Structures are given as C-alpha cells and as structure tokens.
C-alpha atoms as a PDB file:
ATOM      1  CA  UNK A   1      77.801  94.273 136.415  1.00  0.00           C
ATOM      2  CA  UNK A   2      77.803  93.164 132.414  1.00  0.00           C
ATOM      3  CA  UNK A   3      80.207  90.715 132.685  1.00  0.00           C
ATOM      4  CA  UNK A   4      77.944  88.963 134.543  1.00  0.00           C
ATOM      5  CA  UNK A   5      75.498  89.081 132.819  1.00  0.00           C
ATOM      6  CA  UNK A   6      76.701  88.228 129.172  1.00  0.00           C
ATOM      7  CA  UNK A   7      79.525  86.153 130.814  1.00  0.00           C
ATOM      8  CA  UNK A   8      82.624  87.765 130.356  1.00  0.00           C
ATOM      9  CA  UNK A   9      85.678  86.276 131.345  1.00  0.00           C
ATOM     10  CA  UNK A  10      89.689  87.974 130.942  1.00  0.00           C
ATOM     11  CA  UNK A  11      91.863  87.180 128.559  1.00  0.00           C
ATOM     12  CA  UNK A  12      94.442  84.772 130.003  1.00  0.00           C
ATOM     13  CA  UNK A  13      97.030  85.773 126.672  1.00  0.00           C
ATOM     14  CA  UNK A  14      99.970  87.805 129.391  1.00  0.00           C
ATOM     15  CA  UNK A  15      98.917  91.244 129.382  1.00  0.00           C
ATOM     16  CA  UNK A  16      96.461  91.309 127.778  1.00  0.00           C
ATOM     17  CA  UNK A  17      93.449  93.198 129.346  1.00  0.00           C
ATOM     18  CA  UNK A  18      90.496  92.438 126.412  1.00  0.00           C
ATOM     19  CA  UNK A  19      87.738  89.900 127.686  1.00  0.00           C
ATOM     20  CA  UNK A  20      87.031  86.701 126.054  1.00  0.00           C
ATOM     21  CA  UNK A  21      83.871  85.067 125.849  1.00  0.00           C
ATOM     22  CA  UNK A  22      81.856  82.979 128.289  1.00  0.00           C
ATOM     23  CA  UNK A  23      83.597  79.302 127.379  1.00  0.00           C
ATOM     24  CA  UNK A  24      86.882  80.953 125.799  1.00  0.00           C
ATOM     25  CA  UNK A  25      90.335  81.843 127.279  1.00  0.00           C
ATOM     26  CA  UNK A  26      91.092  84.232 124.928  1.00  0.00           C
ATOM     27  CA  UNK A  27      89.671  87.024 123.254  1.00  0.00           C
ATOM     28  CA  UNK A  28      88.757  87.026 119.347  1.00  0.00           C
ATOM     29  CA  UNK A  29      92.229  89.070 118.474  1.00  0.00           C
ATOM     30  CA  UNK A  30      93.912  86.381 120.256  1.00  0.00           C
ATOM     31  CA  UNK A  31      91.625  83.184 119.312  1.00  0.00           C
ATOM     32  CA  UNK A  32      93.037  81.503 117.027  1.00  0.00           C
ATOM     33  CA  UNK A  33      90.251  79.005 116.346  1.00  0.00           C
ATOM     34  CA  UNK A  34      87.957  81.783 115.910  1.00  0.00           C
ATOM     35  CA  UNK A  35      91.133  83.040 113.620  1.00  0.00           C
ATOM     36  CA  UNK A  36      91.073  80.507 111.375  1.00  0.00           C
ATOM     37  CA  UNK A  37      87.579  79.332 111.568  1.00  0.00           C
ATOM     38  CA  UNK A  38      86.678  81.894 109.977  1.00  0.00           C
ATOM     39  CA  UNK A  39      89.607  82.918 107.551  1.00  0.00           C
ATOM     40  CA  UNK A  40      88.578  79.885 106.139  1.00  0.00           C
ATOM     41  CA  UNK A  41      85.041  80.252 105.645  1.00  0.00           C
ATOM     42  CA  UNK A  42      85.910  83.573 104.480  1.00  0.00           C
ATOM     43  CA  UNK A  43      88.066  82.012 101.965  1.00  0.00           C
ATOM     44  CA  UNK A  44      85.509  79.133 100.957  1.00  0.00           C
ATOM     45  CA  UNK A  45      82.665  82.348  99.973  1.00  0.00           C
ATOM     46  CA  UNK A  46      85.859  83.712  97.998  1.00  0.00           C
ATOM     47  CA  UNK A  47      86.423  80.223  95.670  1.00  0.00           C
ATOM     48  CA  UNK A  48      82.235  79.925  95.754  1.00  0.00           C
ATOM     49  CA  UNK A  49      82.019  83.140  94.413  1.00  0.00           C
ATOM     50  CA  UNK A  50      85.103  83.174  92.076  1.00  0.00           C
ATOM     51  CA  UNK A  51      83.753  79.924  90.539  1.00  0.00           C
ATOM     52  CA  UNK A  52      79.845  81.357  90.198  1.00  0.00           C
ATOM     53  CA  UNK A  53      81.433  84.149  88.254  1.00  0.00           C
ATOM     54  CA  UNK A  54      83.763  82.050  86.157  1.00  0.00           C
ATOM     55  CA  UNK A  55      81.429  78.596  85.660  1.00  0.00           C
ATOM     56  CA  UNK A  56      84.445  76.776  86.888  1.00  0.00           C
ATOM     57  CA  UNK A  57      83.498  74.516  89.470  1.00  0.00           C
ATOM     58  CA  UNK A  58      84.985  75.133  92.911  1.00  0.00           C
ATOM     59  CA  UNK A  59      86.598  72.782  94.720  1.00  0.00           C
END
C-alpha cells in the first residue's frame, strides 16, 4: 500500500528485491548515477573545506 502512495518500484538489478524510487530503475545500492553524484558532491565539499583550512584556492 505504501508503495502506491509514495511511488516506489522494484529494482531492475537481477536478484535484487530492494525498492527503487519512482522514475528510477534501480535502488540506491545499484544506481550508479546516484552514487557518482553523491561521491562528486562529497568530494567537492571536502576540497572546499580543505582549501578553507589551508588558505589555498580549491580547483
């Protein structure tokens, strides 16, 4: 019932029974683009904080 209300689908990864968000074919564990975006965002934040602490420009 909650799946219908919140728009969850099943993950398309073979053998996976986790739920995927509506509009996505894969669950967060198997969604490469989501993982890549999270890593990139985290890496950018780490570089910015390191630059602030060292007083150097972040690239």
